[in-house]
Amino acid sequence: MNRNLKFLVAVCERIVLIAVAAPYVLAIARSLPTHPTFFLAAASEILAAFFVLIQKRGEVTIRAYALMIAVAGTCASMLVRPGGVAVLPAIVTGTMMFAGLAISVWSKLVLNRSFGIFAANRGVKNGGPYRLVRHPMYLGYIISQL
């Protein structure tokens, strides 16, 4: 891949993530007085942004479809905002949110600098939650967003 194109993709990846993460974190911060469990959601997204900023280099695909899917998949979780009608008791939803976000944060911590938005060969992880599930971060997101 062209060196300038690689650099452009890396810069765009960081700009998009920060542009979407910042309003998400602010929305979560405003709701912390009434929903303190949302702190873990904000911590999870801040951790994601941090690891993208310091990620290892890898051979990134530049196919438009793959890039769009990567951005949509990463940013979709940050489009969720606090609010809505309670369907289940707060203890149930709070526990699910905590469990899901704990799994996601643990997964990101294990990935460390191998975390990124765009698909790249940064090595395969098989420790921590990755020894149990191939994509534990996605599992955590699904549990927390249910």
Protein backbone atom coordinates (compact mmCIF):
# COMPACT_ATOMS: atom_id res chain seq x y z
CA MET A 1 0.00 0.00 0.00
CA ASN A 2 1.21 3.51 -0.77
CA ARG A 3 2.91 5.06 2.27
CA ASN A 4 0.93 8.33 1.98
CA LEU A 5 -2.35 6.42 1.73
CA LYS A 6 -1.48 4.39 4.84
CA PHE A 7 -0.80 7.60 6.71
CA LEU A 8 -4.07 9.16 5.51
CA VAL A 9 -6.07 6.07 6.60
CA ALA A 10 -4.39 6.13 10.04
CA VAL A 11 -5.14 9.84 10.51
CA CYS A 12 -8.76 9.45 9.36
CA GLU A 13 -9.24 6.51 11.73
CA ARG A 14 -8.17 8.64 14.67
CA ILE A 15 -10.17 11.70 13.64
CA VAL A 16 -13.39 9.72 13.15
CA LEU A 17 -13.07 7.92 16.47
CA ILE A 18 -12.37 11.10 18.42
CA ALA A 19 -15.15 13.00 16.62
CA VAL A 20 -17.69 10.34 17.58
CA ALA A 21 -16.30 9.50 21.04
CA ALA A 22 -16.20 13.09 22.35
CA PRO A 23 -19.98 13.80 22.16
CA TYR A 24 -20.69 10.28 23.47
CA VAL A 25 -18.50 10.78 26.52
CA LEU A 26 -20.08 14.20 27.17
CA ALA A 27 -23.60 12.73 26.99
CA ILE A 28 -22.62 9.97 29.40
CA ALA A 29 -20.94 12.48 31.75
CA ARG A 30 -24.16 14.54 31.94
CA SER A 31 -26.11 11.46 33.00
CA LEU A 32 -23.66 10.25 35.67
CA PRO A 33 -25.47 11.94 38.59
CA THR A 34 -28.61 9.87 37.90
CA HIS A 35 -26.95 6.79 36.32
CA PRO A 36 -23.51 6.21 37.90
CA THR A 37 -23.19 2.85 36.14
CA PHE A 38 -22.67 4.75 32.89
CA PHE A 39 -19.15 5.60 34.10
CA LEU A 40 -17.92 2.25 32.80
CA ALA A 41 -19.44 3.01 29.37
CA ALA A 42 -17.50 6.27 29.18
CA ALA A 43 -14.33 4.55 30.41
CA SER A 44 -14.72 1.86 27.76
CA GLU A 45 -14.94 4.36 24.90
CA ILE A 46 -12.11 6.53 26.25
CA LEU A 47 -9.97 3.39 26.46
CA ALA A 48 -10.85 2.54 22.85
CA ALA A 49 -9.86 6.01 21.67
CA PHE A 50 -6.61 5.85 23.64
CA PHE A 51 -5.63 2.46 22.19
CA VAL A 52 -6.40 3.61 18.64
CA LEU A 53 -4.11 6.59 19.18
CA ILE A 54 -1.20 4.37 20.29
CA GLN A 55 -1.91 1.24 18.22
CA LYS A 56 0.73 -0.93 16.57
CA ARG A 57 1.13 -0.58 12.87
CA GLY A 58 -0.29 -3.35 10.76
CA GLU A 59 -1.12 -3.99 7.13
CA VAL A 60 -4.50 -2.24 6.83
CA THR A 61 -6.99 -2.97 4.09
CA ILE A 62 -8.09 0.09 2.13
CA ARG A 63 -11.14 -1.37 0.41
CA ALA A 64 -13.93 1.18 0.76
CA TYR A 65 -16.52 -1.39 1.90
CA ALA A 66 -14.24 -2.77 4.63
CA LEU A 67 -13.41 0.73 5.86
CA MET A 68 -17.09 1.76 5.99
CA ILE A 69 -18.08 -1.40 7.89
CA ALA A 70 -15.23 -0.88 10.36
CA VAL A 71 -16.22 2.73 11.06
CA ALA A 72 -19.93 1.89 11.30
CA GLY A 73 -19.31 -1.05 13.63
CA THR A 74 -17.04 0.96 15.90
CA CYS A 75 -19.13 4.11 15.97
CA ALA A 76 -22.55 2.45 16.32
CA SER A 77 -22.07 1.76 20.02
CA MET A 78 -21.23 5.43 20.58
CA LEU A 79 -24.50 6.57 19.00
CA VAL A 80 -26.47 5.08 21.92
CA ARG A 81 -27.51 7.74 24.42
CA PRO A 82 -29.00 7.46 27.91
CA GLY A 83 -32.78 7.63 28.08
CA GLY A 84 -35.83 5.70 27.09
CA VAL A 85 -38.42 3.67 28.94
CA ALA A 86 -37.39 1.04 31.48
CA VAL A 87 -38.53 -2.43 30.44
CA LEU A 88 -36.75 -4.30 33.21
CA PRO A 89 -35.87 -3.31 36.79
CA ALA A 90 -32.82 -1.08 37.13
CA ILE A 91 -30.91 -3.76 39.03
CA VAL A 92 -31.21 -6.13 36.05
CA THR A 93 -30.28 -3.58 33.39
CA GLY A 94 -27.50 -2.13 35.55
CA THR A 95 -26.02 -5.58 36.11
CA MET A 96 -26.19 -6.40 32.39
CA MET A 97 -24.60 -3.09 31.48
CA PHE A 98 -21.85 -3.52 34.05
CA ALA A 99 -21.12 -7.12 32.97
CA GLY A 100 -21.07 -6.29 29.26
CA LEU A 101 -18.89 -3.23 29.67
CA ALA A 102 -16.53 -5.08 32.01
CA ILE A 103 -16.06 -7.75 29.32
CA SER A 104 -15.44 -5.05 26.68
CA VAL A 105 -12.95 -3.16 28.85
CA TRP A 106 -11.13 -6.39 29.76
CA SER A 107 -10.93 -7.28 26.06
CA LYS A 108 -9.49 -3.87 25.17
CA LEU A 109 -6.93 -4.09 27.96
CA VAL A 110 -5.78 -7.49 26.66
CA LEU A 111 -5.57 -6.17 23.09
CA ASN A 112 -3.68 -3.08 24.26
CA ARG A 113 -1.85 -1.58 21.26
CA SER A 114 -3.30 -4.24 18.94
CA PHE A 115 -6.73 -2.55 19.13
CA GLY A 116 -7.82 -0.58 16.06
CA ILE A 117 -10.89 0.35 14.07
CA PHE A 118 -9.67 -0.90 10.70
CA ALA A 119 -8.86 -4.54 10.11
CA ALA A 120 -5.12 -5.13 10.22
CA ASN A 121 -2.77 -7.96 11.07
CA ARG A 122 -1.59 -6.90 14.52
CA GLY A 123 -1.22 -10.47 15.77
CA VAL A 124 -3.68 -12.92 17.29
CA LYS A 125 -4.49 -12.70 21.00
CA ASN A 126 -5.36 -15.88 22.85
CA GLY A 127 -5.15 -14.78 26.49
CA GLY A 128 -7.72 -13.29 28.84
CA PRO A 129 -11.24 -13.37 27.44
CA TYR A 130 -9.88 -14.32 24.00
CA ARG A 131 -9.15 -17.83 25.28
CA LEU A 132 -12.91 -18.26 25.87
CA VAL A 133 -14.54 -16.34 22.99
CA ARG A 134 -13.09 -15.26 19.63
CA HIS A 135 -14.65 -11.76 19.80
CA PRO A 136 -15.28 -11.00 23.48
CA MET A 137 -15.45 -7.24 22.93
CA TYR A 138 -18.45 -7.68 20.64
CA LEU A 139 -20.04 -10.05 23.16
CA GLY A 140 -19.62 -7.38 25.84
CA TYR A 141 -21.18 -4.72 23.61
CA ILE A 142 -24.17 -6.95 22.87
CA ILE A 143 -24.76 -7.69 26.56
CA SER A 144 -24.43 -4.05 27.63
CA GLN A 145 -26.65 -2.69 24.87
CA LEU A 146 -29.43 -5.20 25.45
